[in-house]
Amino acid sequence: MIDREQVHKVALLARLELTPEEEEKFTTQLGSILDYIEQLNEVDVSDVLPTTRAIDVSNVTRKDELQPYPEREAILNSAPEQEGEFFKVPKIMNSND
């Protein structure tokens, strides 16, 4: 069980300024939470695999396959500037970096 002195100490460590009413309220609430945790500790979960979600969720993604674009020249010609076979972009880093 948690008491008001522990709530006060945690509040000081967290640099929270609690009124006496808030300390009493949080003492009651934290006590209820700890009681609930104790109830959960009584449940046999030895055959339950650890999970991060209640339901199994996964992203639907396609396989990334590298394919050359057939109209490479069209892409390069649409760029504001190009240098040989590459896009030319503004310099964003200093040479001193």
Protein backbone atom coordinates (compact mmCIF):
# COMPACT_ATOMS: atom_id res chain seq x y z
CA MET A 1 0.00 0.00 0.00
CA ILE A 2 1.20 3.49 -0.77
CA ASP A 3 0.93 6.24 1.81
CA ARG A 4 0.77 10.01 1.62
CA GLU A 5 4.43 10.38 2.64
CA GLN A 6 5.53 8.31 -0.38
CA VAL A 7 3.36 10.39 -2.71
CA HIS A 8 4.88 13.55 -1.22
CA LYS A 9 8.41 12.19 -1.72
CA VAL A 10 7.75 11.21 -5.34
CA ALA A 11 6.21 14.62 -6.00
CA LEU A 12 9.33 16.30 -4.64
CA LEU A 13 11.60 14.09 -6.76
CA ALA A 14 9.48 14.90 -9.83
CA ARG A 15 9.53 18.58 -8.85
CA LEU A 16 5.75 18.72 -8.62
CA GLU A 17 4.03 21.09 -6.26
CA LEU A 18 0.98 19.27 -4.93
CA THR A 19 -1.60 20.68 -2.57
CA PRO A 20 -2.53 18.54 0.45
CA GLU A 21 -5.81 17.71 -1.32
CA GLU A 22 -3.94 16.53 -4.42
CA GLU A 23 -1.60 14.42 -2.31
CA GLU A 24 -4.60 12.75 -0.68
CA LYS A 25 -6.29 12.23 -4.05
CA PHE A 26 -3.16 10.74 -5.65
CA THR A 27 -2.55 8.53 -2.62
CA THR A 28 -6.02 7.03 -3.08
CA GLN A 29 -5.67 6.72 -6.86
CA LEU A 30 -2.19 5.19 -6.76
CA GLY A 31 -3.35 2.80 -4.04
CA SER A 32 -6.18 1.64 -6.33
CA ILE A 33 -3.75 1.17 -9.20
CA LEU A 34 -1.39 -0.90 -7.05
CA ASP A 35 -4.33 -3.02 -5.81
CA TYR A 36 -5.28 -3.70 -9.43
CA ILE A 37 -1.68 -4.66 -10.27
CA GLU A 38 -1.75 -7.13 -7.38
CA GLN A 39 -4.91 -8.67 -8.86
CA LEU A 40 -3.18 -8.99 -12.23
CA ASN A 41 -0.20 -10.68 -10.56
CA GLU A 42 -2.54 -13.46 -9.38
CA VAL A 43 -3.52 -14.39 -12.95
CA ASP A 44 -1.72 -17.46 -14.38
CA VAL A 45 -0.10 -16.30 -17.62
CA SER A 46 2.52 -19.03 -17.88
CA ASP A 47 1.07 -20.26 -21.20
CA VAL A 48 0.57 -16.78 -22.69
CA LEU A 49 3.19 -15.46 -25.08
CA PRO A 50 4.37 -11.88 -24.48
CA THR A 51 2.89 -9.39 -26.96
CA THR A 52 3.00 -5.69 -27.62
CA ARG A 53 -0.62 -5.50 -28.79
CA ALA A 54 -3.88 -7.19 -27.89
CA ILE A 55 -4.41 -8.15 -31.53
CA ASP A 56 -1.90 -9.17 -34.18
CA VAL A 57 -1.27 -6.26 -36.54
CA SER A 58 1.23 -6.06 -39.36
CA ASN A 59 1.93 -3.63 -42.17
CA VAL A 60 0.90 -4.61 -45.65
CA THR A 61 3.82 -3.80 -47.88
CA ARG A 62 4.95 -4.90 -51.27
CA LYS A 63 8.36 -6.35 -51.96
CA ASP A 64 10.79 -3.64 -53.02
CA GLU A 65 12.07 -4.62 -56.44
CA LEU A 66 14.66 -2.47 -58.19
CA GLN A 67 13.68 -1.79 -61.79
CA PRO A 68 15.19 0.72 -64.16
CA TYR A 69 12.73 3.31 -65.44
CA PRO A 70 12.38 2.91 -69.20
CA GLU A 71 12.23 6.66 -69.86
CA ARG A 72 15.27 7.83 -67.96
CA GLU A 73 15.96 10.68 -70.36
CA ALA A 74 12.45 12.04 -69.89
CA ILE A 75 13.00 12.20 -66.12
CA LEU A 76 16.40 13.87 -66.48
CA ASN A 77 15.06 16.37 -69.02
CA SER A 78 12.29 17.40 -66.60
CA ALA A 79 14.83 18.40 -63.93
CA PRO A 80 15.63 22.12 -63.58
CA GLU A 81 19.34 21.32 -63.87
CA GLN A 82 21.30 18.20 -64.66
CA GLU A 83 24.94 17.28 -64.79
CA GLY A 84 25.66 14.37 -67.09
CA GLU A 85 23.39 11.49 -66.06
CA PHE A 86 22.48 13.04 -62.68
CA PHE A 87 20.22 15.69 -61.19
CA LYS A 88 22.09 18.80 -60.16
CA VAL A 89 20.89 20.18 -56.84
CA PRO A 90 21.93 23.19 -54.75
CA LYS A 91 24.79 22.67 -52.36
CA ILE A 92 23.47 22.39 -48.80
CA MET A 93 26.62 21.74 -46.80
CA ASN A 94 29.70 23.88 -46.32
CA SER A 95 33.01 22.54 -47.52
CA ASN A 96 34.33 22.97 -43.94
CA ASP A 97 31.99 20.29 -42.55
